[in-house]
Amino acid sequence: MPVNPNAQELTFLLTKKPNYKLKKMDPNKAAILGEVLSMRYPLDHNNKSNNLKETKPDDIIKDGLNENLFITSDKQKLKSVMAEREGKALSFSVGNDTEKPLRYAIIALKDWKQTDVTESEKVLYTTVAASERQLFDFKLPHAKKDSNFQLIAFPYPYQVSKDNYESQQAFCSFRTVVEPSNHP
């Protein structure tokens, strides 16, 4: 697959058991399947990251539940969603447990192909203030069959550096199985 000549970063993501669909909450399996190994490489040092159009969150909460990325059916409690029907309205929480603001680029993957994060954004950019979490409303994508869905957040988008370990990481939500509407 050719790389866009305007690309500023190249990222490889490796998933464990990509076809495995976990529909019931099992914290050990969910954590293992939710992990994604990322390898991020800068391509262009002509840094345009200050010009990124950021999305305003639907809610901002300071409650200490600052998980980096979490899909939830309850904004206050961070309630996991392991399986849900297509089109279901949910929220995702983006947290920052550090003492400095943290910028993220967030993407959505359905069966490991990029899909829209929200109805209008393929990539959502946001900066989360220290010790807070932001909530964004979204709908699960259409599915013809049971499909894995996962959100991935990249800290320090387009600023990958050997000197900043966190800029080389990717934070992931638990996988959610998106069920088609005609699912029994």
N, C-alpha and C. Protein backbone atom coordinates (compact mmCIF):
# COMPACT_ATOMS: atom_id res chain seq x y z
N MET A 1 0.84 -1.17 0.00
CA MET A 1 0.00 0.00 0.00
C MET A 1 0.89 1.24 0.00
N PRO A 2 0.68 2.15 -0.94
CA PRO A 2 1.53 3.33 -1.00
C PRO A 2 1.25 4.29 0.16
N VAL A 3 2.29 5.00 0.58
CA VAL A 3 2.17 5.98 1.66
C VAL A 3 1.91 7.34 1.03
N ASN A 4 0.94 8.05 1.56
CA ASN A 4 0.60 9.39 1.09
C ASN A 4 1.85 10.28 1.17
N PRO A 5 2.18 11.01 0.11
CA PRO A 5 3.39 11.83 0.14
C PRO A 5 3.33 12.95 1.19
N ASN A 6 2.14 13.30 1.67
CA ASN A 6 2.01 14.33 2.71
C ASN A 6 2.03 13.74 4.12
N ALA A 7 2.17 12.42 4.22
CA ALA A 7 2.14 11.77 5.54
C ALA A 7 3.30 12.27 6.41
N GLN A 8 3.00 12.46 7.68
CA GLN A 8 4.02 12.91 8.63
C GLN A 8 4.44 11.81 9.59
N GLU A 9 3.65 10.73 9.62
CA GLU A 9 3.94 9.64 10.54
C GLU A 9 3.47 8.33 9.92
N LEU A 10 4.23 7.28 10.17
CA LEU A 10 3.86 5.93 9.74
C LEU A 10 3.70 5.09 11.00
N THR A 11 2.56 4.42 11.13
CA THR A 11 2.28 3.62 12.32
C THR A 11 1.88 2.21 11.91
N PHE A 12 2.51 1.24 12.54
CA PHE A 12 2.13 -0.16 12.38
C PHE A 12 1.45 -0.58 13.67
N LEU A 13 0.31 -1.26 13.55
CA LEU A 13 -0.42 -1.78 14.71
C LEU A 13 -0.52 -3.29 14.60
N LEU A 14 -0.15 -3.98 15.66
CA LEU A 14 -0.25 -5.43 15.70
C LEU A 14 -1.28 -5.81 16.76
N THR A 15 -2.25 -6.65 16.37
CA THR A 15 -3.30 -7.07 17.29
C THR A 15 -3.19 -8.55 17.59
N LYS A 16 -3.62 -8.92 18.77
CA LYS A 16 -3.64 -10.33 19.17
C LYS A 16 -4.99 -10.92 18.79
N LYS A 17 -4.95 -12.11 18.22
CA LYS A 17 -6.17 -12.82 17.85
C LYS A 17 -7.21 -11.87 17.23
N PRO A 18 -6.92 -11.32 16.06
CA PRO A 18 -7.80 -10.30 15.48
C PRO A 18 -9.21 -10.78 15.17
N ASN A 19 -9.42 -12.06 14.96
CA ASN A 19 -10.75 -12.56 14.63
C ASN A 19 -11.56 -13.00 15.85
N TYR A 20 -10.93 -13.02 17.02
CA TYR A 20 -11.61 -13.45 18.24
C TYR A 20 -12.58 -12.36 18.69
N LYS A 21 -13.82 -12.76 18.94
CA LYS A 21 -14.86 -11.82 19.37
C LYS A 21 -15.28 -12.16 20.79
N LEU A 22 -14.99 -11.25 21.70
CA LEU A 22 -15.31 -11.42 23.12
C LEU A 22 -16.60 -10.67 23.42
N LYS A 23 -17.69 -11.41 23.66
CA LYS A 23 -19.00 -10.78 23.88
C LYS A 23 -19.37 -10.63 25.35
N LYS A 24 -18.77 -11.43 26.21
CA LYS A 24 -19.07 -11.37 27.65
C LYS A 24 -17.86 -10.81 28.36
N MET A 25 -18.10 -10.02 29.40
CA MET A 25 -16.98 -9.41 30.12
C MET A 25 -16.15 -10.44 30.85
N ASP A 26 -14.92 -10.52 30.48
CA ASP A 26 -13.89 -11.31 31.15
C ASP A 26 -12.70 -10.37 31.22
N PRO A 27 -12.46 -9.75 32.38
CA PRO A 27 -11.43 -8.71 32.48
C PRO A 27 -10.06 -9.14 31.96
N ASN A 28 -9.64 -10.36 32.24
CA ASN A 28 -8.33 -10.81 31.78
C ASN A 28 -8.26 -10.89 30.26
N LYS A 29 -9.26 -11.54 29.65
CA LYS A 29 -9.28 -11.64 28.19
C LYS A 29 -9.44 -10.27 27.55
N ALA A 30 -10.32 -9.44 28.11
CA ALA A 30 -10.56 -8.11 27.53
C ALA A 30 -9.28 -7.28 27.53
N ALA A 31 -8.53 -7.34 28.61
CA ALA A 31 -7.27 -6.58 28.70
C ALA A 31 -6.24 -7.10 27.70
N ILE A 32 -6.13 -8.41 27.58
CA ILE A 32 -5.15 -9.01 26.66
C ILE A 32 -5.54 -8.70 25.21
N LEU A 33 -6.82 -8.89 24.87
CA LEU A 33 -7.27 -8.64 23.50
C LEU A 33 -7.27 -7.15 23.16
N GLY A 34 -7.43 -6.31 24.16
CA GLY A 34 -7.46 -4.87 23.93
C GLY A 34 -6.10 -4.27 23.66
N GLU A 35 -5.05 -4.95 24.07
CA GLU A 35 -3.70 -4.43 23.84
C GLU A 35 -3.35 -4.47 22.35
N VAL A 36 -2.75 -3.40 21.91
CA VAL A 36 -2.27 -3.32 20.53
C VAL A 36 -0.83 -2.85 20.59
N LEU A 37 0.05 -3.57 19.93
CA LEU A 37 1.45 -3.17 19.85
C LEU A 37 1.56 -2.14 18.74
N SER A 38 2.14 -1.00 19.06
CA SER A 38 2.29 0.04 18.04
C SER A 38 3.76 0.28 17.77
N MET A 39 4.04 0.56 16.52
CA MET A 39 5.37 0.99 16.10
C MET A 39 5.14 2.26 15.29
N ARG A 40 5.55 3.39 15.86
CA ARG A 40 5.31 4.69 15.25
C ARG A 40 6.63 5.30 14.79
N TYR A 41 6.61 5.83 13.56
CA TYR A 41 7.82 6.41 12.99
C TYR A 41 7.51 7.77 12.38
N PRO A 42 8.33 8.78 12.70
CA PRO A 42 8.13 10.08 12.04
C PRO A 42 8.60 10.00 10.59
N LEU A 43 7.87 10.66 9.69
CA LEU A 43 8.27 10.68 8.28
C LEU A 43 8.70 12.07 7.83
N ASP A 44 8.04 13.07 8.37
CA ASP A 44 8.29 14.44 7.94
C ASP A 44 8.49 15.31 9.17
N HIS A 45 9.58 15.99 9.22
CA HIS A 45 9.85 16.83 10.38
C HIS A 45 9.30 18.24 10.18
N ASN A 46 8.56 18.47 9.11
CA ASN A 46 7.86 19.73 8.90
C ASN A 46 6.59 19.69 9.74
N ASN A 47 6.73 19.97 11.01
CA ASN A 47 5.68 19.76 12.02
C ASN A 47 4.47 20.65 11.78
N LYS A 48 3.34 20.02 11.47
CA LYS A 48 2.08 20.74 11.28
C LYS A 48 1.09 20.41 12.39
N SER A 49 1.58 19.86 13.49
CA SER A 49 0.68 19.40 14.54
C SER A 49 -0.01 20.54 15.27
N ASN A 50 0.51 21.76 15.20
CA ASN A 50 -0.15 22.88 15.86
C ASN A 50 -1.37 23.36 15.09
N ASN A 51 -1.51 22.96 13.84
CA ASN A 51 -2.63 23.39 13.01
C ASN A 51 -3.78 22.39 12.98
N LEU A 52 -3.74 21.36 13.84
CA LEU A 52 -4.78 20.34 13.82
C LEU A 52 -6.08 20.91 14.36
N LYS A 53 -7.18 20.62 13.66
CA LYS A 53 -8.50 21.07 14.11
C LYS A 53 -8.97 20.14 15.21
N GLU A 54 -9.08 20.66 16.42
CA GLU A 54 -9.50 19.85 17.56
C GLU A 54 -11.01 19.84 17.71
N THR A 55 -11.51 18.73 18.22
CA THR A 55 -12.94 18.56 18.45
C THR A 55 -13.25 18.86 19.91
N LYS A 56 -14.29 19.63 20.13
CA LYS A 56 -14.70 19.92 21.51
C LYS A 56 -15.42 18.70 22.08
N PRO A 57 -15.10 18.35 23.32
CA PRO A 57 -15.78 17.19 23.93
C PRO A 57 -17.23 17.52 24.28
N ASP A 58 -18.03 16.48 24.42
CA ASP A 58 -19.42 16.65 24.84
C ASP A 58 -19.51 16.90 26.34
N ASP A 59 -18.54 16.38 27.10
CA ASP A 59 -18.47 16.59 28.54
C ASP A 59 -17.01 16.55 28.97
N ILE A 60 -16.71 17.24 30.08
CA ILE A 60 -15.40 17.17 30.72
C ILE A 60 -15.65 16.82 32.18
N ILE A 61 -14.91 15.82 32.67
CA ILE A 61 -15.12 15.35 34.03
C ILE A 61 -13.77 15.25 34.74
N LYS A 62 -13.76 15.66 36.00
CA LYS A 62 -12.56 15.53 36.85
C LYS A 62 -12.96 14.66 38.02
N ASP A 63 -12.81 13.34 37.85
CA ASP A 63 -13.24 12.41 38.90
C ASP A 63 -12.17 11.37 39.23
N GLY A 64 -10.99 11.49 38.63
CA GLY A 64 -9.93 10.55 38.90
C GLY A 64 -9.96 9.29 38.04
N LEU A 65 -10.99 9.10 37.23
CA LEU A 65 -11.09 7.93 36.35
C LEU A 65 -10.48 8.28 34.99
N ASN A 66 -9.20 8.51 34.98
CA ASN A 66 -8.52 9.05 33.80
C ASN A 66 -7.89 8.00 32.91
N GLU A 67 -8.60 6.90 32.66
CA GLU A 67 -8.12 5.90 31.71
C GLU A 67 -7.82 6.61 30.39
N ASN A 68 -6.77 6.19 29.68
CA ASN A 68 -6.42 6.84 28.43
C ASN A 68 -7.55 6.78 27.42
N LEU A 69 -8.21 5.62 27.30
CA LEU A 69 -9.28 5.48 26.31
C LEU A 69 -10.23 4.38 26.74
N PHE A 70 -11.53 4.67 26.72
CA PHE A 70 -12.50 3.72 27.25
C PHE A 70 -13.85 3.97 26.59
N ILE A 71 -14.45 2.93 25.98
CA ILE A 71 -15.81 3.01 25.45
C ILE A 71 -16.75 2.67 26.59
N THR A 72 -17.78 3.50 26.79
CA THR A 72 -18.66 3.32 27.93
C THR A 72 -20.13 3.55 27.57
N SER A 73 -20.98 2.87 28.32
CA SER A 73 -22.42 3.10 28.20
C SER A 73 -22.91 4.00 29.33
N ASP A 74 -22.02 4.39 30.23
CA ASP A 74 -22.37 5.23 31.37
C ASP A 74 -21.22 6.21 31.59
N LYS A 75 -21.46 7.47 31.31
CA LYS A 75 -20.40 8.48 31.37
C LYS A 75 -19.79 8.61 32.76
N GLN A 76 -20.55 8.39 33.79
CA GLN A 76 -20.06 8.58 35.15
C GLN A 76 -19.26 7.39 35.68
N LYS A 77 -19.59 6.17 35.23
CA LYS A 77 -19.01 4.97 35.83
C LYS A 77 -18.02 4.22 34.95
N LEU A 78 -17.81 4.63 33.74
CA LEU A 78 -16.97 3.88 32.80
C LEU A 78 -17.38 2.41 32.75
N LYS A 79 -18.59 2.17 32.33
CA LYS A 79 -19.14 0.82 32.21
C LYS A 79 -18.77 0.23 30.85
N SER A 80 -18.05 -0.89 30.86
CA SER A 80 -17.57 -1.53 29.63
C SER A 80 -18.73 -1.98 28.74
N VAL A 81 -18.48 -1.91 27.43
CA VAL A 81 -19.44 -2.37 26.42
C VAL A 81 -18.73 -3.45 25.62
N MET A 82 -19.06 -4.70 25.88
CA MET A 82 -18.39 -5.80 25.19
C MET A 82 -19.08 -6.16 23.87
N ALA A 83 -20.41 -6.02 23.81
CA ALA A 83 -21.16 -6.30 22.59
C ALA A 83 -22.38 -5.40 22.57
N GLU A 84 -22.70 -4.88 21.37
CA GLU A 84 -23.85 -3.99 21.25
C GLU A 84 -24.28 -3.93 19.78
N ARG A 85 -25.53 -3.55 19.55
CA ARG A 85 -26.07 -3.46 18.20
C ARG A 85 -25.48 -2.27 17.44
N GLU A 86 -25.39 -2.43 16.11
CA GLU A 86 -24.94 -1.34 15.25
C GLU A 86 -25.82 -0.11 15.47
N GLY A 87 -25.23 1.05 15.32
CA GLY A 87 -25.98 2.30 15.46
C GLY A 87 -26.25 2.73 16.89
N LYS A 88 -25.86 1.93 17.87
CA LYS A 88 -26.10 2.26 19.28
C LYS A 88 -25.29 3.51 19.65
N ALA A 89 -25.96 4.45 20.31
CA ALA A 89 -25.29 5.66 20.79
C ALA A 89 -24.55 5.34 22.09
N LEU A 90 -23.25 5.61 22.11
CA LEU A 90 -22.40 5.38 23.27
C LEU A 90 -21.51 6.60 23.46
N SER A 91 -20.59 6.51 24.39
CA SER A 91 -19.59 7.56 24.60
C SER A 91 -18.23 6.91 24.72
N PHE A 92 -17.21 7.68 24.42
CA PHE A 92 -15.87 7.23 24.78
C PHE A 92 -15.21 8.31 25.60
N SER A 93 -14.41 7.84 26.53
CA SER A 93 -13.71 8.70 27.48
C SER A 93 -12.23 8.70 27.13
N VAL A 94 -11.64 9.90 27.09
CA VAL A 94 -10.22 10.07 26.83
C VAL A 94 -9.64 10.77 28.05
N GLY A 95 -8.73 10.10 28.74
CA GLY A 95 -8.21 10.65 29.98
C GLY A 95 -6.74 11.03 29.93
N ASN A 96 -6.36 11.83 30.92
CA ASN A 96 -4.98 12.26 31.05
C ASN A 96 -4.62 12.22 32.53
N ASP A 97 -3.77 11.31 32.90
CA ASP A 97 -3.36 11.14 34.29
C ASP A 97 -2.03 11.82 34.58
N THR A 98 -1.59 12.67 33.67
CA THR A 98 -0.31 13.36 33.86
C THR A 98 -0.55 14.77 34.42
N GLU A 99 0.53 15.49 34.60
CA GLU A 99 0.44 16.85 35.13
C GLU A 99 0.50 17.92 34.03
N LYS A 100 0.55 17.49 32.76
CA LYS A 100 0.61 18.42 31.64
C LYS A 100 -0.51 18.08 30.65
N PRO A 101 -0.97 19.06 29.86
CA PRO A 101 -1.95 18.75 28.82
C PRO A 101 -1.39 17.70 27.85
N LEU A 102 -2.27 16.86 27.32
CA LEU A 102 -1.85 15.78 26.44
C LEU A 102 -2.74 15.77 25.20
N ARG A 103 -2.11 15.92 24.04
CA ARG A 103 -2.84 15.91 22.77
C ARG A 103 -2.90 14.47 22.25
N TYR A 104 -4.05 14.13 21.68
CA TYR A 104 -4.27 12.80 21.09
C TYR A 104 -4.83 12.93 19.67
N ALA A 105 -4.51 11.95 18.85
CA ALA A 105 -5.22 11.69 17.61
C ALA A 105 -5.92 10.35 17.85
N ILE A 106 -7.23 10.27 17.58
CA ILE A 106 -8.00 9.07 17.86
C ILE A 106 -8.61 8.55 16.56
N ILE A 107 -8.44 7.25 16.33
CA ILE A 107 -9.03 6.60 15.16
C ILE A 107 -9.94 5.47 15.63
N ALA A 108 -10.80 5.01 14.73
CA ALA A 108 -11.67 3.87 14.98
C ALA A 108 -11.38 2.79 13.95
N LEU A 109 -11.38 1.54 14.41
CA LEU A 109 -11.17 0.40 13.53
C LEU A 109 -12.34 -0.56 13.67
N LYS A 110 -12.91 -0.95 12.53
CA LYS A 110 -13.94 -1.99 12.51
C LYS A 110 -13.38 -3.13 11.69
N ASP A 111 -13.24 -4.29 12.33
CA ASP A 111 -12.58 -5.43 11.71
C ASP A 111 -11.24 -5.01 11.10
N TRP A 112 -10.54 -4.16 11.80
CA TRP A 112 -9.18 -3.72 11.55
C TRP A 112 -9.02 -2.85 10.32
N LYS A 113 -10.14 -2.27 9.86
CA LYS A 113 -10.10 -1.27 8.79
C LYS A 113 -10.59 0.04 9.38
N GLN A 114 -9.93 1.12 9.02
CA GLN A 114 -10.29 2.40 9.61
C GLN A 114 -11.69 2.81 9.17
N THR A 115 -12.46 3.30 10.15
CA THR A 115 -13.81 3.80 9.93
C THR A 115 -13.93 5.13 10.65
N ASP A 116 -15.05 5.81 10.47
CA ASP A 116 -15.24 7.11 11.12
C ASP A 116 -15.33 6.96 12.63
N VAL A 117 -14.69 7.89 13.35
CA VAL A 117 -14.79 7.92 14.81
C VAL A 117 -16.16 8.47 15.20
N THR A 118 -16.50 9.60 14.62
CA THR A 118 -17.84 10.19 14.77
C THR A 118 -18.41 10.32 13.37
N GLU A 119 -19.62 10.81 13.27
CA GLU A 119 -20.26 10.90 11.95
C GLU A 119 -19.51 11.82 11.00
N SER A 120 -18.70 12.72 11.53
CA SER A 120 -18.04 13.69 10.65
C SER A 120 -16.51 13.62 10.70
N GLU A 121 -15.94 12.67 11.46
CA GLU A 121 -14.49 12.68 11.62
C GLU A 121 -13.87 11.30 11.46
N LYS A 122 -12.93 11.22 10.55
CA LYS A 122 -12.14 9.99 10.36
C LYS A 122 -11.05 9.91 11.43
N VAL A 123 -10.51 11.07 11.82
CA VAL A 123 -9.54 11.18 12.90
C VAL A 123 -10.02 12.31 13.80
N LEU A 124 -10.08 12.04 15.09
CA LEU A 124 -10.51 13.05 16.05
C LEU A 124 -9.28 13.51 16.82
N TYR A 125 -9.06 14.82 16.83
CA TYR A 125 -7.94 15.40 17.57
C TYR A 125 -8.48 16.13 18.79
N THR A 126 -7.81 15.96 19.92
CA THR A 126 -8.21 16.67 21.13
C THR A 126 -7.00 16.80 22.05
N THR A 127 -7.04 17.82 22.90
CA THR A 127 -6.04 17.99 23.94
C THR A 127 -6.75 17.91 25.28
N VAL A 128 -6.32 16.98 26.11
CA VAL A 128 -6.94 16.75 27.41
C VAL A 128 -6.07 17.41 28.47
N ALA A 129 -6.69 18.26 29.28
CA ALA A 129 -5.96 18.94 30.35
C ALA A 129 -5.50 17.93 31.40
N ALA A 130 -4.56 18.33 32.21
CA ALA A 130 -4.02 17.47 33.26
C ALA A 130 -5.12 17.00 34.20
N SER A 131 -5.06 15.74 34.57
CA SER A 131 -5.96 15.13 35.55
C SER A 131 -7.44 15.29 35.23
N GLU A 132 -7.80 15.17 33.95
CA GLU A 132 -9.21 15.19 33.57
C GLU A 132 -9.47 14.16 32.48
N ARG A 133 -10.75 13.99 32.21
CA ARG A 133 -11.13 13.15 31.09
C ARG A 133 -12.21 13.85 30.29
N GLN A 134 -12.18 13.62 28.99
CA GLN A 134 -13.16 14.18 28.09
C GLN A 134 -14.05 13.06 27.58
N LEU A 135 -15.31 13.38 27.36
CA LEU A 135 -16.27 12.41 26.83
C LEU A 135 -16.79 12.88 25.48
N PHE A 136 -16.83 11.94 24.55
CA PHE A 136 -17.33 12.20 23.21
C PHE A 136 -18.45 11.21 22.91
N ASP A 137 -19.56 11.70 22.40
CA ASP A 137 -20.67 10.83 22.00
C ASP A 137 -20.41 10.33 20.58
N PHE A 138 -20.77 9.08 20.33
CA PHE A 138 -20.61 8.51 18.99
C PHE A 138 -21.61 7.37 18.83
N LYS A 139 -21.74 6.86 17.61
CA LYS A 139 -22.60 5.71 17.33
C LYS A 139 -21.75 4.59 16.75
N LEU A 140 -22.06 3.37 17.15
CA LEU A 140 -21.35 2.22 16.58
C LEU A 140 -21.66 2.12 15.09
N PRO A 141 -20.68 1.71 14.29
CA PRO A 141 -20.87 1.65 12.84
C PRO A 141 -21.80 0.51 12.41
N HIS A 142 -22.23 0.60 11.18
CA HIS A 142 -23.05 -0.44 10.56
C HIS A 142 -22.24 -1.74 10.47
N ALA A 143 -22.92 -2.87 10.63
CA ALA A 143 -22.24 -4.17 10.53
C ALA A 143 -23.17 -5.19 9.84
N LYS A 144 -22.64 -5.90 8.86
CA LYS A 144 -23.40 -6.95 8.18
C LYS A 144 -23.31 -8.27 8.95
N LYS A 145 -22.23 -8.39 9.75
CA LYS A 145 -22.02 -9.57 10.59
C LYS A 145 -21.34 -9.09 11.87
N ASP A 146 -21.24 -9.95 12.87
CA ASP A 146 -20.54 -9.56 14.09
C ASP A 146 -19.14 -9.06 13.71
N SER A 147 -18.79 -7.87 14.19
CA SER A 147 -17.53 -7.24 13.83
C SER A 147 -16.83 -6.68 15.06
N ASN A 148 -15.52 -6.80 15.11
CA ASN A 148 -14.75 -6.18 16.17
C ASN A 148 -14.63 -4.68 15.90
N PHE A 149 -14.78 -3.89 16.96
CA PHE A 149 -14.65 -2.44 16.89
C PHE A 149 -13.73 -2.00 18.01
N GLN A 150 -12.80 -1.12 17.70
CA GLN A 150 -11.87 -0.64 18.72
C GLN A 150 -11.43 0.77 18.39
N LEU A 151 -11.25 1.57 19.42
CA LEU A 151 -10.71 2.91 19.28
C LEU A 151 -9.23 2.88 19.68
N ILE A 152 -8.42 3.65 18.97
CA ILE A 152 -7.00 3.75 19.25
C ILE A 152 -6.66 5.23 19.39
N ALA A 153 -5.96 5.58 20.48
CA ALA A 153 -5.53 6.97 20.71
C ALA A 153 -4.01 7.03 20.63
N PHE A 154 -3.53 7.98 19.84
CA PHE A 154 -2.10 8.19 19.67
C PHE A 154 -1.70 9.49 20.36
N PRO A 155 -0.95 9.40 21.46
CA PRO A 155 -0.50 10.63 22.10
C PRO A 155 0.57 11.31 21.24
N TYR A 156 0.62 12.63 21.33
CA TYR A 156 1.60 13.42 20.58
C TYR A 156 1.55 13.11 19.08
N PRO A 157 0.38 13.31 18.46
CA PRO A 157 0.29 13.00 17.02
C PRO A 157 1.29 13.81 16.21
N TYR A 158 1.97 13.13 15.31
CA TYR A 158 2.94 13.70 14.38
C TYR A 158 4.15 14.30 15.11
N GLN A 159 4.36 13.87 16.35
CA GLN A 159 5.51 14.34 17.12
C GLN A 159 6.26 13.15 17.73
N VAL A 160 6.35 12.06 16.99
CA VAL A 160 7.04 10.87 17.48
C VAL A 160 8.52 11.19 17.63
N SER A 161 9.05 10.79 18.78
CA SER A 161 10.45 11.11 19.08
C SER A 161 11.09 9.98 19.86
N LYS A 162 12.35 9.72 19.57
CA LYS A 162 13.10 8.72 20.34
C LYS A 162 13.25 9.14 21.79
N ASP A 163 13.21 10.45 22.03
CA ASP A 163 13.40 10.99 23.38
C ASP A 163 12.12 11.00 24.21
N ASN A 164 10.99 10.73 23.59
CA ASN A 164 9.70 10.75 24.30
C ASN A 164 9.03 9.39 24.11
N TYR A 165 9.23 8.50 25.08
CA TYR A 165 8.70 7.14 24.97
C TYR A 165 7.19 7.14 24.74
N GLU A 166 6.46 8.00 25.46
CA GLU A 166 5.00 8.01 25.34
C GLU A 166 4.55 8.37 23.91
N SER A 167 5.36 9.13 23.18
CA SER A 167 4.99 9.48 21.80
C SER A 167 5.07 8.27 20.87
N GLN A 168 5.66 7.19 21.32
CA GLN A 168 5.77 5.99 20.51
C GLN A 168 4.64 5.00 20.78
N GLN A 169 3.78 5.30 21.74
CA GLN A 169 2.74 4.38 22.16
C GLN A 169 1.42 4.60 21.43
N ALA A 170 0.51 3.67 21.66
CA ALA A 170 -0.88 3.80 21.25
C ALA A 170 -1.71 3.25 22.41
N PHE A 171 -2.78 3.95 22.75
CA PHE A 171 -3.67 3.52 23.83
C PHE A 171 -4.96 3.02 23.19
N CYS A 172 -5.50 1.93 23.73
CA CYS A 172 -6.64 1.27 23.09
C CYS A 172 -7.80 1.10 24.05
N SER A 173 -8.99 1.13 23.48
CA SER A 173 -10.17 0.75 24.24
C SER A 173 -10.26 -0.77 24.23
N PHE A 174 -11.11 -1.32 25.09
CA PHE A 174 -11.46 -2.74 24.94
C PHE A 174 -12.15 -2.89 23.59
N ARG A 175 -12.05 -4.08 23.02
CA ARG A 175 -12.80 -4.36 21.80
C ARG A 175 -14.29 -4.44 22.14
N THR A 176 -15.09 -3.95 21.21
CA THR A 176 -16.55 -4.10 21.32
C THR A 176 -17.01 -4.87 20.09
N VAL A 177 -17.84 -5.88 20.29
CA VAL A 177 -18.40 -6.61 19.15
C VAL A 177 -19.65 -5.86 18.71
N VAL A 178 -19.63 -5.41 17.45
CA VAL A 178 -20.79 -4.73 16.87
C VAL A 178 -21.64 -5.79 16.19
N GLU A 179 -22.89 -5.90 16.66
CA GLU A 179 -23.82 -6.88 16.12
C GLU A 179 -24.76 -6.21 15.13
N PRO A 180 -25.06 -6.87 14.00
CA PRO A 180 -26.02 -6.29 13.06
C PRO A 180 -27.42 -6.22 13.68
N SER A 181 -28.24 -5.33 13.19
CA SER A 181 -29.60 -5.16 13.72
C SER A 181 -30.43 -6.43 13.65
N ASN A 182 -30.20 -7.25 12.65
CA ASN A 182 -30.97 -8.49 12.49
C ASN A 182 -30.40 -9.66 13.27
N HIS A 183 -29.44 -9.35 14.18
CA HIS A 183 -28.82 -10.40 15.01
C HIS A 183 -29.86 -10.99 15.97
N PRO A 184 -29.88 -12.33 16.10
CA PRO A 184 -30.89 -12.93 16.99
C PRO A 184 -30.73 -12.55 18.44
